[in-house]
Amino acid sequence: MFIQKKDMQDLKNARKEYKLKELMETNIDQDPVEMFSVWIEDALNSDNLYPNAMVLSTVSPDQRPSSRIVLLKDFSEKGFDFFTSYRSKKAQHMEKHQYASLLFFWPELERQVRIEGRVEKVNLEESDAYYKKRPRESQISAWASPQSSIVLSREDLENRYRKMDMVFVDIPRRPTSWGGYRLVPDLFEFWQGREYRLHDRIEYVKEDKGWKIHRLAP
């Protein structure tokens, strides 16, 4: 569908003022993981349908950036965990380039968090534990979908699913080609929308003895 000229004008004029909260050095935690814990809790208690949705950005072997939405499944001082096929495009990227970024956006709170760091696989026990918690339908999908590969049709994909559903009469085991990744952060940026586009941006940079905290210009 083509965008009409009137709609383009509406797009150019689409804006809002941010007035909900402020982010000051006097009310932040010195530990960014603790700070994130407070913000994700606020997001979980908001009207956001997917508070744990995050943009994962990776870099291909030929230096092309690529982004997609994935779901945060756990976090701690060790890092931020998500799960996918080891054969997916993002997994191939992370195999060659071990650094990535995460971006959370919670419009209801006028907040976003950006996290950068090194990515590593979680251990097999953690992948097994999470896989067992998934609904059976999602477990079967991990077997049926050759993620990021070309498929003949939707029908072909659904046939793959039905076939694997028949193969596993009991609870399916985790495919060896599927599991978890953990982004180990070395940079956080907390963004709080403010009036007149003078947004608050607080950055945490990992150092040997802890985290260095800066305020960034919006």
C-alpha atoms as a PDB file:
ATOM      1  CA  MET A   1       0.000   0.000   0.000  1.00  0.00           C
ATOM      2  CA  PHE A   2       1.378   3.397  -0.996  1.00  0.00           C
ATOM      3  CA  ILE A   3       1.479   6.142   1.633  1.00  0.00           C
ATOM      4  CA  GLN A   4      -0.465   9.166   0.496  1.00  0.00           C
ATOM      5  CA  LYS A   5       1.079  12.626   0.747  1.00  0.00           C
ATOM      6  CA  LYS A   6      -1.278  13.567   3.587  1.00  0.00           C
ATOM      7  CA  ASP A   7      -0.145  10.512   5.525  1.00  0.00           C
ATOM      8  CA  MET A   8       3.490  11.479   4.994  1.00  0.00           C
ATOM      9  CA  GLN A   9       2.756  14.876   6.525  1.00  0.00           C
ATOM     10  CA  ASP A  10       1.135  13.142   9.491  1.00  0.00           C
ATOM     11  CA  LEU A  11       4.261  11.006   9.849  1.00  0.00           C
ATOM     12  CA  LYS A  12       6.548  14.047   9.841  1.00  0.00           C
ATOM     13  CA  ASN A  13       4.406  15.753  12.468  1.00  0.00           C
ATOM     14  CA  ALA A  14       4.030  12.693  14.690  1.00  0.00           C
ATOM     15  CA  ARG A  15       5.599  13.604  18.002  1.00  0.00           C
ATOM     16  CA  LYS A  16       4.883  13.679  21.708  1.00  0.00           C
ATOM     17  CA  GLU A  17       6.371  15.282  24.759  1.00  0.00           C
ATOM     18  CA  TYR A  18       7.874  13.070  27.446  1.00  0.00           C
ATOM     19  CA  LYS A  19       6.828  14.110  30.931  1.00  0.00           C
ATOM     20  CA  LEU A  20       6.427  11.004  33.076  1.00  0.00           C
ATOM     21  CA  LYS A  21       9.719  10.702  34.959  1.00  0.00           C
ATOM     22  CA  GLU A  22      13.294  11.898  35.288  1.00  0.00           C
ATOM     23  CA  LEU A  23      16.605  10.088  35.598  1.00  0.00           C
ATOM     24  CA  MET A  24      19.049  11.858  37.896  1.00  0.00           C
ATOM     25  CA  GLU A  25      22.412  10.808  39.262  1.00  0.00           C
ATOM     26  CA  THR A  26      20.941  11.058  42.766  1.00  0.00           C
ATOM     27  CA  ASN A  27      18.352   8.320  42.148  1.00  0.00           C
ATOM     28  CA  ILE A  28      20.312   5.704  40.201  1.00  0.00           C
ATOM     29  CA  ASP A  29      21.899   2.480  41.435  1.00  0.00           C
ATOM     30  CA  GLN A  30      25.664   2.184  41.158  1.00  0.00           C
ATOM     31  CA  ASP A  31      25.172  -1.324  39.755  1.00  0.00           C
ATOM     32  CA  PRO A  32      23.526  -1.289  36.294  1.00  0.00           C
ATOM     33  CA  VAL A  33      22.144  -4.803  36.702  1.00  0.00           C
ATOM     34  CA  GLU A  34      20.313  -3.693  39.840  1.00  0.00           C
ATOM     35  CA  MET A  35      19.146  -0.605  37.968  1.00  0.00           C
ATOM     36  CA  PHE A  36      17.857  -2.798  35.141  1.00  0.00           C
ATOM     37  CA  SER A  37      16.098  -5.025  37.673  1.00  0.00           C
ATOM     38  CA  VAL A  38      14.069  -2.034  38.890  1.00  0.00           C
ATOM     39  CA  TRP A  39      13.197  -0.915  35.363  1.00  0.00           C
ATOM     40  CA  ILE A  40      12.187  -4.375  34.101  1.00  0.00           C
ATOM     41  CA  GLU A  41       9.983  -4.737  37.180  1.00  0.00           C
ATOM     42  CA  ASP A  42       8.299  -1.444  36.289  1.00  0.00           C
ATOM     43  CA  ALA A  43       7.842  -2.730  32.728  1.00  0.00           C
ATOM     44  CA  LEU A  44       6.338  -6.010  33.958  1.00  0.00           C
ATOM     45  CA  ASN A  45       3.834  -4.005  35.991  1.00  0.00           C
ATOM     46  CA  SER A  46       2.963  -1.719  33.070  1.00  0.00           C
ATOM     47  CA  ASP A  47       0.524  -2.255  30.188  1.00  0.00           C
ATOM     48  CA  ASN A  48       3.307  -3.433  27.878  1.00  0.00           C
ATOM     49  CA  LEU A  49       2.302  -6.745  26.257  1.00  0.00           C
ATOM     50  CA  TYR A  50       5.914  -7.887  25.832  1.00  0.00           C
ATOM     51  CA  PRO A  51       8.034  -6.239  28.543  1.00  0.00           C
ATOM     52  CA  ASN A  52      10.835  -8.771  27.972  1.00  0.00           C
ATOM     53  CA  ALA A  53      11.007  -8.164  24.201  1.00  0.00           C
ATOM     54  CA  MET A  54      14.371  -6.813  23.080  1.00  0.00           C
ATOM     55  CA  VAL A  55      16.069  -5.967  19.814  1.00  0.00           C
ATOM     56  CA  LEU A  56      19.136  -8.152  19.327  1.00  0.00           C
ATOM     57  CA  SER A  57      21.627  -6.646  16.877  1.00  0.00           C
ATOM     58  CA  THR A  58      24.485  -8.707  15.452  1.00  0.00           C
ATOM     59  CA  VAL A  59      27.099  -8.260  12.733  1.00  0.00           C
ATOM     60  CA  SER A  60      27.548 -10.674   9.835  1.00  0.00           C
ATOM     61  CA  PRO A  61      30.962 -11.975   8.699  1.00  0.00           C
ATOM     62  CA  ASP A  62      30.898  -9.360   5.898  1.00  0.00           C
ATOM     63  CA  GLN A  63      30.210  -6.581   8.470  1.00  0.00           C
ATOM     64  CA  ARG A  64      26.505  -6.101   7.717  1.00  0.00           C
ATOM     65  CA  PRO A  65      24.415  -5.263  10.826  1.00  0.00           C
ATOM     66  CA  SER A  66      21.208  -7.201  11.406  1.00  0.00           C
ATOM     67  CA  SER A  67      18.482  -6.778  14.037  1.00  0.00           C
ATOM     68  CA  ARG A  68      15.474  -8.783  15.221  1.00  0.00           C
ATOM     69  CA  ILE A  69      13.206  -9.100  18.258  1.00  0.00           C
ATOM     70  CA  VAL A  70      13.970 -11.870  20.753  1.00  0.00           C
ATOM     71  CA  LEU A  71      12.732 -12.455  24.304  1.00  0.00           C
ATOM     72  CA  LEU A  72      14.802 -12.069  27.448  1.00  0.00           C
ATOM     73  CA  LYS A  73      14.417 -15.230  29.515  1.00  0.00           C
ATOM     74  CA  ASP A  74      16.732 -14.566  32.451  1.00  0.00           C
ATOM     75  CA  PHE A  75      19.343 -12.098  33.670  1.00  0.00           C
ATOM     76  CA  SER A  76      21.824 -11.767  36.491  1.00  0.00           C
ATOM     77  CA  GLU A  77      25.295 -10.407  37.151  1.00  0.00           C
ATOM     78  CA  LYS A  78      26.479 -13.100  34.717  1.00  0.00           C
ATOM     79  CA  GLY A  79      24.543 -11.641  31.792  1.00  0.00           C
ATOM     80  CA  PHE A  80      21.310 -11.594  29.794  1.00  0.00           C
ATOM     81  CA  ASP A  81      19.927 -14.878  28.425  1.00  0.00           C
ATOM     82  CA  PHE A  82      17.922 -15.715  25.300  1.00  0.00           C
ATOM     83  CA  PHE A  83      17.353 -18.900  23.296  1.00  0.00           C
ATOM     84  CA  THR A  84      17.389 -19.754  19.610  1.00  0.00           C
ATOM     85  CA  SER A  85      18.524 -22.238  16.984  1.00  0.00           C
ATOM     86  CA  TYR A  86      22.283 -22.570  16.674  1.00  0.00           C
ATOM     87  CA  ARG A  87      21.693 -22.727  12.909  1.00  0.00           C
ATOM     88  CA  SER A  88      19.882 -19.387  12.733  1.00  0.00           C
ATOM     89  CA  LYS A  89      21.350 -16.342  11.029  1.00  0.00           C
ATOM     90  CA  LYS A  90      21.942 -14.591  14.347  1.00  0.00           C
ATOM     91  CA  ALA A  91      23.749 -17.659  15.677  1.00  0.00           C
ATOM     92  CA  GLN A  92      25.968 -17.740  12.603  1.00  0.00           C
ATOM     93  CA  HIS A  93      26.746 -14.072  13.138  1.00  0.00           C
ATOM     94  CA  MET A  94      27.613 -14.576  16.808  1.00  0.00           C
ATOM     95  CA  GLU A  95      29.814 -17.541  15.937  1.00  0.00           C
ATOM     96  CA  LYS A  96      32.022 -15.254  13.838  1.00  0.00           C
ATOM     97  CA  HIS A  97      31.624 -11.975  15.741  1.00  0.00           C
ATOM     98  CA  GLN A  98      31.153 -12.486  19.478  1.00  0.00           C
ATOM     99  CA  TYR A  99      29.843  -9.010  20.264  1.00  0.00           C
ATOM    100  CA  ALA A 100      26.219  -7.873  20.064  1.00  0.00           C
ATOM    101  CA  SER A 101      23.779  -5.355  21.511  1.00  0.00           C
ATOM    102  CA  LEU A 102      20.336  -5.494  23.126  1.00  0.00           C
ATOM    103  CA  LEU A 103      17.715  -2.756  23.116  1.00  0.00           C
ATOM    104  CA  PHE A 104      14.611  -2.623  25.317  1.00  0.00           C
ATOM    105  CA  PHE A 105      11.912  -0.027  24.622  1.00  0.00           C
ATOM    106  CA  TRP A 106       9.004   0.559  26.994  1.00  0.00           C
ATOM    107  CA  PRO A 107       6.929   3.404  25.475  1.00  0.00           C
ATOM    108  CA  GLU A 108       4.386   3.332  28.305  1.00  0.00           C
ATOM    109  CA  LEU A 109       7.200   4.343  30.666  1.00  0.00           C
ATOM    110  CA  GLU A 110       9.016   6.561  28.132  1.00  0.00           C
ATOM    111  CA  ARG A 111      12.139   4.478  28.714  1.00  0.00           C
ATOM    112  CA  GLN A 112      14.680   2.459  26.833  1.00  0.00           C
ATOM    113  CA  VAL A 113      17.778   0.501  27.829  1.00  0.00           C
ATOM    114  CA  ARG A 114      20.686  -0.299  25.530  1.00  0.00           C
ATOM    115  CA  ILE A 115      23.175  -3.030  26.482  1.00  0.00           C
ATOM    116  CA  GLU A 116      26.375  -4.039  24.688  1.00  0.00           C
ATOM    117  CA  GLY A 117      28.746  -6.908  25.329  1.00  0.00           C
ATOM    118  CA  ARG A 118      30.260 -10.250  24.433  1.00  0.00           C
ATOM    119  CA  VAL A 119      28.003 -13.208  23.664  1.00  0.00           C
ATOM    120  CA  GLU A 120      28.598 -16.781  24.797  1.00  0.00           C
ATOM    121  CA  LYS A 121      26.556 -19.975  24.870  1.00  0.00           C
ATOM    122  CA  VAL A 122      24.967 -20.970  28.178  1.00  0.00           C
ATOM    123  CA  ASN A 123      25.852 -24.436  29.408  1.00  0.00           C
ATOM    124  CA  LEU A 124      23.919 -27.528  28.296  1.00  0.00           C
ATOM    125  CA  GLU A 125      22.204 -27.949  31.651  1.00  0.00           C
ATOM    126  CA  GLU A 126      20.722 -24.433  31.466  1.00  0.00           C
ATOM    127  CA  SER A 127      19.537 -25.000  27.896  1.00  0.00           C
ATOM    128  CA  ASP A 128      17.965 -28.335  28.878  1.00  0.00           C
ATOM    129  CA  ALA A 129      16.238 -26.790  31.894  1.00  0.00           C
ATOM    130  CA  TYR A 130      14.663 -23.993  29.866  1.00  0.00           C
ATOM    131  CA  TYR A 131      13.670 -26.290  26.992  1.00  0.00           C
ATOM    132  CA  LYS A 132      11.761 -28.526  29.417  1.00  0.00           C
ATOM    133  CA  LYS A 133       9.731 -25.524  30.611  1.00  0.00           C
ATOM    134  CA  ARG A 134       8.544 -24.622  27.101  1.00  0.00           C
ATOM    135  CA  PRO A 135       5.070 -25.626  25.884  1.00  0.00           C
ATOM    136  CA  ARG A 136       5.113 -28.860  23.892  1.00  0.00           C
ATOM    137  CA  GLU A 137       4.162 -26.953  20.737  1.00  0.00           C
ATOM    138  CA  SER A 138       7.273 -24.781  21.073  1.00  0.00           C
ATOM    139  CA  GLN A 139       9.409 -27.826  21.802  1.00  0.00           C
ATOM    140  CA  ILE A 140       8.190 -29.471  18.587  1.00  0.00           C
ATOM    141  CA  SER A 141       8.769 -26.273  16.619  1.00  0.00           C
ATOM    142  CA  ALA A 142      12.434 -26.306  17.634  1.00  0.00           C
ATOM    143  CA  TRP A 143      12.711 -29.664  15.860  1.00  0.00           C
ATOM    144  CA  ALA A 144      10.509 -28.809  12.881  1.00  0.00           C
ATOM    145  CA  SER A 145      11.880 -25.404  11.876  1.00  0.00           C
ATOM    146  CA  PRO A 146      15.210 -25.147  10.017  1.00  0.00           C
ATOM    147  CA  GLN A 147      15.438 -21.563  11.232  1.00  0.00           C
ATOM    148  CA  SER A 148      16.632 -18.969   8.694  1.00  0.00           C
ATOM    149  CA  SER A 149      16.754 -21.595   5.910  1.00  0.00           C
ATOM    150  CA  ILE A 150      14.591 -21.330   2.791  1.00  0.00           C
ATOM    151  CA  VAL A 151      11.481 -23.551   2.936  1.00  0.00           C
ATOM    152  CA  LEU A 152       9.299 -24.564   0.007  1.00  0.00           C
ATOM    153  CA  SER A 153       6.039 -23.294   1.467  1.00  0.00           C
ATOM    154  CA  ARG A 154       3.981 -22.799   4.602  1.00  0.00           C
ATOM    155  CA  GLU A 155       2.474 -26.209   3.932  1.00  0.00           C
ATOM    156  CA  ASP A 156       5.910 -27.793   3.904  1.00  0.00           C
ATOM    157  CA  LEU A 157       6.705 -26.194   7.267  1.00  0.00           C
ATOM    158  CA  GLU A 158       3.435 -27.405   8.790  1.00  0.00           C
ATOM    159  CA  ASN A 159       4.072 -30.899   7.432  1.00  0.00           C
ATOM    160  CA  ARG A 160       7.457 -30.863   9.153  1.00  0.00           C
ATOM    161  CA  TYR A 161       5.724 -29.925  12.399  1.00  0.00           C
ATOM    162  CA  ARG A 162       3.125 -32.710  12.118  1.00  0.00           C
ATOM    163  CA  LYS A 163       5.831 -35.250  11.339  1.00  0.00           C
ATOM    164  CA  MET A 164       7.897 -34.305  14.390  1.00  0.00           C
ATOM    165  CA  ASP A 165       4.776 -34.253  16.562  1.00  0.00           C
ATOM    166  CA  MET A 166       4.177 -37.889  15.602  1.00  0.00           C
ATOM    167  CA  VAL A 167       7.815 -38.857  16.164  1.00  0.00           C
ATOM    168  CA  PHE A 168       7.819 -37.623  19.758  1.00  0.00           C
ATOM    169  CA  VAL A 169       5.026 -39.426  21.583  1.00  0.00           C
ATOM    170  CA  ASP A 170       6.511 -38.418  24.930  1.00  0.00           C
ATOM    171  CA  ILE A 171       8.207 -35.147  25.909  1.00  0.00           C
ATOM    172  CA  PRO A 172      10.792 -34.380  23.203  1.00  0.00           C
ATOM    173  CA  ARG A 173      14.420 -33.962  24.140  1.00  0.00           C
ATOM    174  CA  ARG A 174      16.176 -30.725  23.318  1.00  0.00           C
ATOM    175  CA  PRO A 175      17.679 -30.651  19.811  1.00  0.00           C
ATOM    176  CA  THR A 176      21.456 -30.310  19.924  1.00  0.00           C
ATOM    177  CA  SER A 177      21.032 -27.489  17.379  1.00  0.00           C
ATOM    178  CA  TRP A 178      19.007 -25.348  19.791  1.00  0.00           C
ATOM    179  CA  GLY A 179      19.945 -23.640  23.038  1.00  0.00           C
ATOM    180  CA  GLY A 180      20.766 -20.521  24.962  1.00  0.00           C
ATOM    181  CA  TYR A 181      23.060 -17.544  24.584  1.00  0.00           C
ATOM    182  CA  ARG A 182      24.179 -15.050  27.195  1.00  0.00           C
ATOM    183  CA  LEU A 183      25.235 -11.485  26.505  1.00  0.00           C
ATOM    184  CA  VAL A 184      27.862 -10.514  29.083  1.00  0.00           C
ATOM    185  CA  PRO A 185      27.551  -6.714  29.310  1.00  0.00           C
ATOM    186  CA  ASP A 186      30.336  -4.173  29.325  1.00  0.00           C
ATOM    187  CA  LEU A 187      28.100  -1.164  28.607  1.00  0.00           C
ATOM    188  CA  PHE A 188      24.614  -0.044  29.664  1.00  0.00           C
ATOM    189  CA  GLU A 189      22.704   3.059  28.678  1.00  0.00           C
ATOM    190  CA  PHE A 190      19.493   4.011  30.474  1.00  0.00           C
ATOM    191  CA  TRP A 191      17.307   6.511  28.598  1.00  0.00           C
ATOM    192  CA  GLN A 192      14.395   8.409  30.116  1.00  0.00           C
ATOM    193  CA  GLY A 193      12.325  10.651  27.869  1.00  0.00           C
ATOM    194  CA  ARG A 194      12.139  14.294  28.982  1.00  0.00           C
ATOM    195  CA  GLU A 195      10.502  17.497  27.754  1.00  0.00           C
ATOM    196  CA  TYR A 196      11.874  19.483  24.803  1.00  0.00           C
ATOM    197  CA  ARG A 197      13.913  16.416  23.704  1.00  0.00           C
ATOM    198  CA  LEU A 198      16.354  17.050  26.555  1.00  0.00           C
ATOM    199  CA  HIS A 199      16.259  13.367  27.434  1.00  0.00           C
ATOM    200  CA  ASP A 200      18.161  11.834  30.338  1.00  0.00           C
ATOM    201  CA  ARG A 201      20.869   9.383  29.265  1.00  0.00           C
ATOM    202  CA  ILE A 202      22.985   7.639  31.894  1.00  0.00           C
ATOM    203  CA  GLU A 203      25.787   5.379  30.677  1.00  0.00           C
ATOM    204  CA  TYR A 204      27.628   2.673  32.644  1.00  0.00           C
ATOM    205  CA  VAL A 205      30.981   1.488  31.235  1.00  0.00           C
ATOM    206  CA  LYS A 206      32.654  -1.621  32.659  1.00  0.00           C
ATOM    207  CA  GLU A 207      36.076  -1.097  34.244  1.00  0.00           C
ATOM    208  CA  ASP A 208      38.418  -3.385  36.188  1.00  0.00           C
ATOM    209  CA  LYS A 209      37.099  -2.194  39.549  1.00  0.00           C
ATOM    210  CA  GLY A 210      33.441  -1.766  38.683  1.00  0.00           C
ATOM    211  CA  TRP A 211      31.375   0.589  36.554  1.00  0.00           C
ATOM    212  CA  LYS A 212      32.162   4.124  35.421  1.00  0.00           C
ATOM    213  CA  ILE A 213      29.007   6.275  35.213  1.00  0.00           C
ATOM    214  CA  HIS A 214      28.527   9.163  32.795  1.00  0.00           C
ATOM    215  CA  ARG A 215      25.694  11.429  31.727  1.00  0.00           C
ATOM    216  CA  LEU A 216      25.378  11.697  27.938  1.00  0.00           C
ATOM    217  CA  ALA A 217      23.890  14.587  25.984  1.00  0.00           C
ATOM    218  CA  PRO A 218      20.554  13.656  24.363  1.00  0.00           C
END
